[in-house]
Amino acid sequence: MTHEELIAALDNRFTFHPPKGDQVERYESIRDDARVFAESVCALAPESRERALFLTKLEEAVMWANASIARNE
């Protein structure tokens, strides 16, 4: 990666990307689907460190999915 490519990649990672088009609706759909999954797992799995980690990782997955939309469109 050239220096210019690195700077462009860092700009993309650390710059606000205002939503455009149908992105807001897609962000909401991802969050809604994750919420349903989280509720299902919380109903089935006992409260535990593992369940807490699941919730944290699911939050991370939602964030990365939405970042994929924001950063690459």
PDB file of N, CA and C in Angstrom:
ATOM      1  N   MET A   1       0.849  -1.170   0.000  1.00  0.00           N
ATOM      2  CA  MET A   1       0.000   0.000   0.000  1.00  0.00           C
ATOM      3  C   MET A   1       0.899   1.238   0.000  1.00  0.00           C
ATOM      4  N   THR A   2       0.601   2.129  -0.909  1.00  0.00           N
ATOM      5  CA  THR A   2       1.376   3.362  -0.961  1.00  0.00           C
ATOM      6  C   THR A   2       0.973   4.287   0.184  1.00  0.00           C
ATOM      7  N   HIS A   3       1.782   5.302   0.415  1.00  0.00           N
ATOM      8  CA  HIS A   3       1.462   6.272   1.462  1.00  0.00           C
ATOM      9  C   HIS A   3       0.121   6.947   1.176  1.00  0.00           C
ATOM     10  N   GLU A   4      -0.122   7.285  -0.082  1.00  0.00           N
ATOM     11  CA  GLU A   4      -1.383   7.926  -0.464  1.00  0.00           C
ATOM     12  C   GLU A   4      -2.568   7.002  -0.224  1.00  0.00           C
ATOM     13  N   GLU A   5      -2.404   5.727  -0.526  1.00  0.00           N
ATOM     14  CA  GLU A   5      -3.477   4.756  -0.283  1.00  0.00           C
ATOM     15  C   GLU A   5      -3.736   4.598   1.209  1.00  0.00           C
ATOM     16  N   LEU A   6      -2.665   4.594   1.993  1.00  0.00           N
ATOM     17  CA  LEU A   6      -2.810   4.496   3.443  1.00  0.00           C
ATOM     18  C   LEU A   6      -3.583   5.700   3.988  1.00  0.00           C
ATOM     19  N   ILE A   7      -3.225   6.895   3.552  1.00  0.00           N
ATOM     20  CA  ILE A   7      -3.918   8.103   4.005  1.00  0.00           C
ATOM     21  C   ILE A   7      -5.389   8.041   3.616  1.00  0.00           C
ATOM     22  N   ALA A   8      -5.693   7.607   2.402  1.00  0.00           N
ATOM     23  CA  ALA A   8      -7.085   7.487   1.953  1.00  0.00           C
ATOM     24  C   ALA A   8      -7.846   6.468   2.794  1.00  0.00           C
ATOM     25  N   ALA A   9      -7.201   5.345   3.110  1.00  0.00           N
ATOM     26  CA  ALA A   9      -7.845   4.319   3.936  1.00  0.00           C
ATOM     27  C   ALA A   9      -8.111   4.841   5.347  1.00  0.00           C
ATOM     28  N   LEU A  10      -7.146   5.572   5.915  1.00  0.00           N
ATOM     29  CA  LEU A  10      -7.338   6.136   7.252  1.00  0.00           C
ATOM     30  C   LEU A  10      -8.432   7.193   7.245  1.00  0.00           C
ATOM     31  N   ASP A  11      -8.464   8.015   6.216  1.00  0.00           N
ATOM     32  CA  ASP A  11      -9.538   9.005   6.092  1.00  0.00           C
ATOM     33  C   ASP A  11     -10.901   8.317   6.068  1.00  0.00           C
ATOM     34  N   ASN A  12     -10.990   7.220   5.322  1.00  0.00           N
ATOM     35  CA  ASN A  12     -12.252   6.494   5.234  1.00  0.00           C
ATOM     36  C   ASN A  12     -12.657   5.917   6.593  1.00  0.00           C
ATOM     37  N   ARG A  13     -11.693   5.449   7.358  1.00  0.00           N
ATOM     38  CA  ARG A  13     -11.991   4.855   8.664  1.00  0.00           C
ATOM     39  C   ARG A  13     -12.361   5.889   9.716  1.00  0.00           C
ATOM     40  N   PHE A  14     -11.773   7.056   9.637  1.00  0.00           N
ATOM     41  CA  PHE A  14     -11.913   8.023  10.721  1.00  0.00           C
ATOM     42  C   PHE A  14     -12.633   9.302  10.302  1.00  0.00           C
ATOM     43  N   THR A  15     -13.515   9.182   9.327  1.00  0.00           N
ATOM     44  CA  THR A  15     -14.309  10.304   8.858  1.00  0.00           C
ATOM     45  C   THR A  15     -15.782   9.944   9.007  1.00  0.00           C
ATOM     46  N   PHE A  16     -16.593  10.906   9.407  1.00  0.00           N
ATOM     47  CA  PHE A  16     -18.033  10.686   9.486  1.00  0.00           C
ATOM     48  C   PHE A  16     -18.589  10.505   8.082  1.00  0.00           C
ATOM     49  N   HIS A  17     -19.438   9.512   7.928  1.00  0.00           N
ATOM     50  CA  HIS A  17     -20.078   9.222   6.651  1.00  0.00           C
ATOM     51  C   HIS A  17     -21.576   9.456   6.819  1.00  0.00           C
ATOM     52  N   PRO A  18     -22.065  10.628   6.416  1.00  0.00           N
ATOM     53  CA  PRO A  18     -23.502  10.874   6.572  1.00  0.00           C
ATOM     54  C   PRO A  18     -24.302   9.891   5.728  1.00  0.00           C
ATOM     55  N   PRO A  19     -25.441   9.430   6.253  1.00  0.00           N
ATOM     56  CA  PRO A  19     -26.235   8.463   5.494  1.00  0.00           C
ATOM     57  C   PRO A  19     -26.797   9.073   4.222  1.00  0.00           C
ATOM     58  N   LYS A  20     -26.919   8.206   3.232  1.00  0.00           N
ATOM     59  CA  LYS A  20     -27.503   8.636   1.957  1.00  0.00           C
ATOM     60  C   LYS A  20     -28.396   7.531   1.425  1.00  0.00           C
ATOM     61  N   GLY A  21     -29.320   7.928   0.588  1.00  0.00           N
ATOM     62  CA  GLY A  21     -30.214   6.943  -0.017  1.00  0.00           C
ATOM     63  C   GLY A  21     -30.974   6.154   1.031  1.00  0.00           C
ATOM     64  N   ASP A  22     -30.972   4.838   0.876  1.00  0.00           N
ATOM     65  CA  ASP A  22     -31.720   3.968   1.789  1.00  0.00           C
ATOM     66  C   ASP A  22     -30.866   3.418   2.936  1.00  0.00           C
ATOM     67  N   GLN A  23     -29.717   4.026   3.170  1.00  0.00           N
ATOM     68  CA  GLN A  23     -28.822   3.498   4.205  1.00  0.00           C
ATOM     69  C   GLN A  23     -29.468   3.494   5.590  1.00  0.00           C
ATOM     70  N   VAL A  24     -30.180   4.539   5.959  1.00  0.00           N
ATOM     71  CA  VAL A  24     -30.795   4.593   7.291  1.00  0.00           C
ATOM     72  C   VAL A  24     -31.732   3.401   7.487  1.00  0.00           C
ATOM     73  N   GLU A  25     -32.528   3.115   6.488  1.00  0.00           N
ATOM     74  CA  GLU A  25     -33.448   1.981   6.580  1.00  0.00           C
ATOM     75  C   GLU A  25     -32.693   0.661   6.714  1.00  0.00           C
ATOM     76  N   ARG A  26     -31.584   0.526   6.005  1.00  0.00           N
ATOM     77  CA  ARG A  26     -30.796  -0.710   6.091  1.00  0.00           C
ATOM     78  C   ARG A  26     -30.107  -0.818   7.437  1.00  0.00           C
ATOM     79  N   TYR A  27     -29.611   0.299   7.983  1.00  0.00           N
ATOM     80  CA  TYR A  27     -29.038   0.280   9.341  1.00  0.00           C
ATOM     81  C   TYR A  27     -30.082  -0.203  10.339  1.00  0.00           C
ATOM     82  N   GLU A  28     -31.284   0.352  10.229  1.00  0.00           N
ATOM     83  CA  GLU A  28     -32.360  -0.023  11.146  1.00  0.00           C
ATOM     84  C   GLU A  28     -32.727  -1.495  10.996  1.00  0.00           C
ATOM     85  N   SER A  29     -32.752  -1.992   9.767  1.00  0.00           N
ATOM     86  CA  SER A  29     -33.075  -3.401   9.539  1.00  0.00           C
ATOM     87  C   SER A  29     -32.040  -4.315  10.193  1.00  0.00           C
ATOM     88  N   ILE A  30     -30.779  -3.968  10.055  1.00  0.00           N
ATOM     89  CA  ILE A  30     -29.711  -4.761  10.687  1.00  0.00           C
ATOM     90  C   ILE A  30     -29.883  -4.741  12.204  1.00  0.00           C
ATOM     91  N   ARG A  31     -30.130  -3.551  12.769  1.00  0.00           N
ATOM     92  CA  ARG A  31     -30.318  -3.459  14.223  1.00  0.00           C
ATOM     93  C   ARG A  31     -31.547  -4.228  14.682  1.00  0.00           C
ATOM     94  N   ASP A  32     -32.640  -4.118  13.923  1.00  0.00           N
ATOM     95  CA  ASP A  32     -33.869  -4.837  14.294  1.00  0.00           C
ATOM     96  C   ASP A  32     -33.656  -6.340  14.281  1.00  0.00           C
ATOM     97  N   ASP A  33     -32.999  -6.842  13.235  1.00  0.00           N
ATOM     98  CA  ASP A  33     -32.732  -8.284  13.148  1.00  0.00           C
ATOM     99  C   ASP A  33     -31.844  -8.738  14.303  1.00  0.00           C
ATOM    100  N   ALA A  34     -30.843  -7.940  14.630  1.00  0.00           N
ATOM    101  CA  ALA A  34     -29.949  -8.289  15.740  1.00  0.00           C
ATOM    102  C   ALA A  34     -30.722  -8.298  17.056  1.00  0.00           C
ATOM    103  N   ARG A  35     -31.628  -7.347  17.231  1.00  0.00           N
ATOM    104  CA  ARG A  35     -32.434  -7.281  18.459  1.00  0.00           C
ATOM    105  C   ARG A  35     -33.271  -8.543  18.620  1.00  0.00           C
ATOM    106  N   VAL A  36     -33.902  -8.993  17.533  1.00  0.00           N
ATOM    107  CA  VAL A  36     -34.707 -10.219  17.581  1.00  0.00           C
ATOM    108  C   VAL A  36     -33.831 -11.407  17.965  1.00  0.00           C
ATOM    109  N   PHE A  37     -32.659 -11.509  17.359  1.00  0.00           N
ATOM    110  CA  PHE A  37     -31.728 -12.590  17.681  1.00  0.00           C
ATOM    111  C   PHE A  37     -31.309 -12.510  19.147  1.00  0.00           C
ATOM    112  N   ALA A  38     -30.988 -11.313  19.615  1.00  0.00           N
ATOM    113  CA  ALA A  38     -30.563 -11.132  21.008  1.00  0.00           C
ATOM    114  C   ALA A  38     -31.674 -11.557  21.969  1.00  0.00           C
ATOM    115  N   GLU A  39     -32.898 -11.160  21.683  1.00  0.00           N
ATOM    116  CA  GLU A  39     -34.014 -11.547  22.553  1.00  0.00           C
ATOM    117  C   GLU A  39     -34.191 -13.058  22.587  1.00  0.00           C
ATOM    118  N   SER A  40     -34.052 -13.696  21.435  1.00  0.00           N
ATOM    119  CA  SER A  40     -34.186 -15.149  21.360  1.00  0.00           C
ATOM    120  C   SER A  40     -33.118 -15.838  22.198  1.00  0.00           C
ATOM    121  N   VAL A  41     -31.882 -15.427  22.024  1.00  0.00           N
ATOM    122  CA  VAL A  41     -30.795 -16.046  22.783  1.00  0.00           C
ATOM    123  C   VAL A  41     -30.962 -15.777  24.277  1.00  0.00           C
ATOM    124  N   CYS A  42     -31.345 -14.573  24.642  1.00  0.00           N
ATOM    125  CA  CYS A  42     -31.523 -14.252  26.064  1.00  0.00           C
ATOM    126  C   CYS A  42     -32.657 -15.067  26.683  1.00  0.00           C
ATOM    127  N   ALA A  43     -33.655 -15.421  25.887  1.00  0.00           N
ATOM    128  CA  ALA A  43     -34.743 -16.257  26.392  1.00  0.00           C
ATOM    129  C   ALA A  43     -34.310 -17.711  26.552  1.00  0.00           C
ATOM    130  N   LEU A  44     -33.333 -18.135  25.773  1.00  0.00           N
ATOM    131  CA  LEU A  44     -32.922 -19.542  25.763  1.00  0.00           C
ATOM    132  C   LEU A  44     -31.686 -19.828  26.607  1.00  0.00           C
ATOM    133  N   ALA A  45     -30.796 -18.868  26.725  1.00  0.00           N
ATOM    134  CA  ALA A  45     -29.522 -19.090  27.411  1.00  0.00           C
ATOM    135  C   ALA A  45     -29.545 -18.420  28.784  1.00  0.00           C
ATOM    136  N   PRO A  46     -28.995 -19.083  29.781  1.00  0.00           N
ATOM    137  CA  PRO A  46     -28.991 -18.482  31.112  1.00  0.00           C
ATOM    138  C   PRO A  46     -28.069 -17.264  31.179  1.00  0.00           C
ATOM    139  N   GLU A  47     -28.401 -16.350  32.074  1.00  0.00           N
ATOM    140  CA  GLU A  47     -27.541 -15.202  32.294  1.00  0.00           C
ATOM    141  C   GLU A  47     -26.161 -15.706  32.715  1.00  0.00           C
ATOM    142  N   SER A  48     -25.153 -15.229  32.024  1.00  0.00           N
ATOM    143  CA  SER A  48     -23.799 -15.724  32.267  1.00  0.00           C
ATOM    144  C   SER A  48     -22.802 -14.818  31.569  1.00  0.00           C
ATOM    145  N   ARG A  49     -21.548 -15.048  31.865  1.00  0.00           N
ATOM    146  CA  ARG A  49     -20.480 -14.324  31.177  1.00  0.00           C
ATOM    147  C   ARG A  49     -20.563 -14.581  29.674  1.00  0.00           C
ATOM    148  N   GLU A  50     -20.837 -15.828  29.306  1.00  0.00           N
ATOM    149  CA  GLU A  50     -20.907 -16.193  27.896  1.00  0.00           C
ATOM    150  C   GLU A  50     -22.040 -15.447  27.184  1.00  0.00           C
ATOM    151  N   ARG A  51     -23.190 -15.337  27.857  1.00  0.00           N
ATOM    152  CA  ARG A  51     -24.292 -14.601  27.240  1.00  0.00           C
ATOM    153  C   ARG A  51     -23.943 -13.119  27.112  1.00  0.00           C
ATOM    154  N   ALA A  52     -23.284 -12.575  28.116  1.00  0.00           N
ATOM    155  CA  ALA A  52     -22.856 -11.175  28.050  1.00  0.00           C
ATOM    156  C   ALA A  52     -21.881 -10.971  26.895  1.00  0.00           C
ATOM    157  N   LEU A  53     -20.963 -11.919  26.703  1.00  0.00           N
ATOM    158  CA  LEU A  53     -20.037 -11.832  25.573  1.00  0.00           C
ATOM    159  C   LEU A  53     -20.768 -11.937  24.245  1.00  0.00           C
ATOM    160  N   PHE A  54     -21.765 -12.814  24.187  1.00  0.00           N
ATOM    161  CA  PHE A  54     -22.581 -12.911  22.976  1.00  0.00           C
ATOM    162  C   PHE A  54     -23.190 -11.556  22.638  1.00  0.00           C
ATOM    163  N   LEU A  55     -23.769 -10.895  23.638  1.00  0.00           N
ATOM    164  CA  LEU A  55     -24.401  -9.596  23.392  1.00  0.00           C
ATOM    165  C   LEU A  55     -23.380  -8.564  22.934  1.00  0.00           C
ATOM    166  N   THR A  56     -22.207  -8.582  23.551  1.00  0.00           N
ATOM    167  CA  THR A  56     -21.154  -7.649  23.139  1.00  0.00           C
ATOM    168  C   THR A  56     -20.736  -7.914  21.700  1.00  0.00           C
ATOM    169  N   LYS A  57     -20.534  -9.174  21.364  1.00  0.00           N
ATOM    170  CA  LYS A  57     -20.100  -9.513  20.003  1.00  0.00           C
ATOM    171  C   LYS A  57     -21.195  -9.219  18.985  1.00  0.00           C
ATOM    172  N   LEU A  58     -22.453  -9.394  19.367  1.00  0.00           N
ATOM    173  CA  LEU A  58     -23.546  -9.065  18.463  1.00  0.00           C
ATOM    174  C   LEU A  58     -23.587  -7.556  18.224  1.00  0.00           C
ATOM    175  N   GLU A  59     -23.384  -6.768  19.267  1.00  0.00           N
ATOM    176  CA  GLU A  59     -23.283  -5.312  19.097  1.00  0.00           C
ATOM    177  C   GLU A  59     -22.154  -4.968  18.128  1.00  0.00           C
ATOM    178  N   GLU A  60     -21.015  -5.633  18.291  1.00  0.00           N
ATOM    179  CA  GLU A  60     -19.884  -5.397  17.398  1.00  0.00           C
ATOM    180  C   GLU A  60     -20.239  -5.770  15.966  1.00  0.00           C
ATOM    181  N   ALA A  61     -20.930  -6.889  15.790  1.00  0.00           N
ATOM    182  CA  ALA A  61     -21.307  -7.325  14.447  1.00  0.00           C
ATOM    183  C   ALA A  61     -22.231  -6.300  13.784  1.00  0.00           C
ATOM    184  N   VAL A  62     -23.174  -5.758  14.541  1.00  0.00           N
ATOM    185  CA  VAL A  62     -24.063  -4.725  14.010  1.00  0.00           C
ATOM    186  C   VAL A  62     -23.246  -3.504  13.604  1.00  0.00           C
ATOM    187  N   MET A  63     -22.327  -3.096  14.471  1.00  0.00           N
ATOM    188  CA  MET A  63     -21.495  -1.929  14.176  1.00  0.00           C
ATOM    189  C   MET A  63     -20.688  -2.147  12.903  1.00  0.00           C
ATOM    190  N   TRP A  64     -20.072  -3.315  12.760  1.00  0.00           N
ATOM    191  CA  TRP A  64     -19.257  -3.571  11.572  1.00  0.00           C
ATOM    192  C   TRP A  64     -20.110  -3.687  10.314  1.00  0.00           C
ATOM    193  N   ALA A  65     -21.278  -4.274  10.433  1.00  0.00           N
ATOM    194  CA  ALA A  65     -22.171  -4.357   9.271  1.00  0.00           C
ATOM    195  C   ALA A  65     -22.578  -2.960   8.816  1.00  0.00           C
ATOM    196  N   ASN A  66     -22.939  -2.101   9.768  1.00  0.00           N
ATOM    197  CA  ASN A  66     -23.320  -0.743   9.410  1.00  0.00           C
ATOM    198  C   ASN A  66     -22.118   0.054   8.903  1.00  0.00           C
ATOM    199  N   ALA A  67     -20.945  -0.179   9.469  1.00  0.00           N
ATOM    200  CA  ALA A  67     -19.744   0.497   8.975  1.00  0.00           C
ATOM    201  C   ALA A  67     -19.439   0.072   7.544  1.00  0.00           C
ATOM    202  N   SER A  68     -19.700  -1.174   7.221  1.00  0.00           N
ATOM    203  CA  SER A  68     -19.486  -1.653   5.862  1.00  0.00           C
ATOM    204  C   SER A  68     -20.332  -0.858   4.871  1.00  0.00           C
ATOM    205  N   ILE A  69     -21.576  -0.618   5.246  1.00  0.00           N
ATOM    206  CA  ILE A  69     -22.458   0.176   4.387  1.00  0.00           C
ATOM    207  C   ILE A  69     -21.946   1.610   4.306  1.00  0.00           C
ATOM    208  N   ALA A  70     -21.674   2.213   5.458  1.00  0.00           N
ATOM    209  CA  ALA A  70     -21.286   3.633   5.503  1.00  0.00           C
ATOM    210  C   ALA A  70     -19.979   3.889   4.775  1.00  0.00           C
ATOM    211  N   ARG A  71     -19.015   3.029   4.953  1.00  0.00           N
ATOM    212  CA  ARG A  71     -17.673   3.288   4.431  1.00  0.00           C
ATOM    213  C   ARG A  71     -17.486   2.903   2.965  1.00  0.00           C
ATOM    214  N   ASN A  72     -18.348   2.055   2.463  1.00  0.00           N
ATOM    215  CA  ASN A  72     -18.090   1.494   1.133  1.00  0.00           C
ATOM    216  C   ASN A  72     -19.130   1.831   0.082  1.00  0.00           C
ATOM    217  N   GLU A  73     -19.976   2.793   0.383  1.00  0.00           N
ATOM    218  CA  GLU A  73     -20.959   3.211  -0.637  1.00  0.00           C
ATOM    219  C   GLU A  73     -20.828   4.689  -0.889  1.00  0.00           C
TER     220      GLU A  73
END
